[in-house]
């Protein structure tokens, strides 16, 4: 159960990273509305990805 939650959070963080990068470069999902929001989403997702990786290594 715990590993599934970790994998789920890492998958969602990866999806947010992908969508943020696509929005910054191609302006595809949201039309490039706010670069600041994309950067903040990217930073938050990288932090969640790192925390998931560290938690997985501890288990």
C-alpha atoms as a PDB file:
ATOM      1  CA  UNK A   1       0.000   0.000   0.000  1.00  0.00           C
ATOM      2  CA  UNK A   2       2.766   2.443   0.916  1.00  0.00           C
ATOM      3  CA  UNK A   3       4.754   1.755  -2.225  1.00  0.00           C
ATOM      4  CA  UNK A   4       1.647   2.258  -4.360  1.00  0.00           C
ATOM      5  CA  UNK A   5       1.113   5.684  -2.787  1.00  0.00           C
ATOM      6  CA  UNK A   6       4.739   6.592  -3.459  1.00  0.00           C
ATOM      7  CA  UNK A   7       4.501   5.443  -7.076  1.00  0.00           C
ATOM      8  CA  UNK A   8       1.246   7.358  -7.483  1.00  0.00           C
ATOM      9  CA  UNK A   9       2.705  10.599  -6.161  1.00  0.00           C
ATOM     10  CA  UNK A  10       5.825  10.217  -8.324  1.00  0.00           C
ATOM     11  CA  UNK A  11       3.649   9.556 -11.387  1.00  0.00           C
ATOM     12  CA  UNK A  12       1.505  12.637 -10.735  1.00  0.00           C
ATOM     13  CA  UNK A  13       4.603  14.755 -10.134  1.00  0.00           C
ATOM     14  CA  UNK A  14       6.044  13.514 -13.430  1.00  0.00           C
ATOM     15  CA  UNK A  15       2.805  14.391 -15.196  1.00  0.00           C
ATOM     16  CA  UNK A  16       2.857  17.906 -13.713  1.00  0.00           C
ATOM     17  CA  UNK A  17       6.473  18.332 -14.837  1.00  0.00           C
ATOM     18  CA  UNK A  18       5.562  17.215 -18.354  1.00  0.00           C
ATOM     19  CA  UNK A  19       2.547  19.535 -18.578  1.00  0.00           C
ATOM     20  CA  UNK A  20       4.538  22.488 -17.188  1.00  0.00           C
ATOM     21  CA  UNK A  21       7.344  22.010 -19.677  1.00  0.00           C
ATOM     22  CA  UNK A  22       4.879  21.625 -22.552  1.00  0.00           C
ATOM     23  CA  UNK A  23       3.063  24.795 -21.513  1.00  0.00           C
ATOM     24  CA  UNK A  24       6.299  26.785 -21.256  1.00  0.00           C
ATOM     25  CA  UNK A  25       7.696  25.618 -24.584  1.00  0.00           C
ATOM     26  CA  UNK A  26       4.734  24.873 -26.863  1.00  0.00           C
ATOM     27  CA  UNK A  27       2.000  26.810 -25.043  1.00  0.00           C
ATOM     28  CA  UNK A  28      -0.179  23.746 -25.609  1.00  0.00           C
ATOM     29  CA  UNK A  29      -2.382  22.806 -22.634  1.00  0.00           C
ATOM     30  CA  UNK A  30      -3.053  26.235 -21.147  1.00  0.00           C
ATOM     31  CA  UNK A  31      -1.925  28.622 -23.851  1.00  0.00           C
ATOM     32  CA  UNK A  32       1.144  29.808 -21.944  1.00  0.00           C
ATOM     33  CA  UNK A  33      -1.031  31.900 -19.650  1.00  0.00           C
ATOM     34  CA  UNK A  34       1.556  32.440 -16.901  1.00  0.00           C
ATOM     35  CA  UNK A  35       5.205  31.462 -17.013  1.00  0.00           C
ATOM     36  CA  UNK A  36       5.494  32.167 -13.278  1.00  0.00           C
ATOM     37  CA  UNK A  37       2.807  29.605 -12.499  1.00  0.00           C
ATOM     38  CA  UNK A  38       4.498  27.057 -14.738  1.00  0.00           C
ATOM     39  CA  UNK A  39       7.820  27.573 -12.964  1.00  0.00           C
ATOM     40  CA  UNK A  40       6.216  27.252  -9.531  1.00  0.00           C
ATOM     41  CA  UNK A  41       4.397  24.064 -10.590  1.00  0.00           C
ATOM     42  CA  UNK A  42       7.690  22.739 -11.931  1.00  0.00           C
ATOM     43  CA  UNK A  43       9.563  23.485  -8.707  1.00  0.00           C
ATOM     44  CA  UNK A  44       6.808  21.933  -6.584  1.00  0.00           C
ATOM     45  CA  UNK A  45       6.674  18.808  -8.714  1.00  0.00           C
ATOM     46  CA  UNK A  46      10.449  18.388  -8.574  1.00  0.00           C
ATOM     47  CA  UNK A  47      10.305  18.626  -4.774  1.00  0.00           C
ATOM     48  CA  UNK A  48       7.545  15.982  -4.619  1.00  0.00           C
ATOM     49  CA  UNK A  49       9.500  13.787  -7.039  1.00  0.00           C
ATOM     50  CA  UNK A  50      12.617  14.064  -4.867  1.00  0.00           C
ATOM     51  CA  UNK A  51      10.680  13.334  -1.673  1.00  0.00           C
ATOM     52  CA  UNK A  52       9.079  10.281  -3.292  1.00  0.00           C
ATOM     53  CA  UNK A  53      12.436   8.991  -4.448  1.00  0.00           C
ATOM     54  CA  UNK A  54      14.000   9.433  -0.985  1.00  0.00           C
ATOM     55  CA  UNK A  55      11.031   7.753   0.704  1.00  0.00           C
ATOM     56  CA  UNK A  56      11.212   4.827  -1.706  1.00  0.00           C
ATOM     57  CA  UNK A  57      14.910   4.388  -0.973  1.00  0.00           C
ATOM     58  CA  UNK A  58      14.230   4.314   2.784  1.00  0.00           C
ATOM     59  CA  UNK A  59      11.604   1.577   2.523  1.00  0.00           C
END
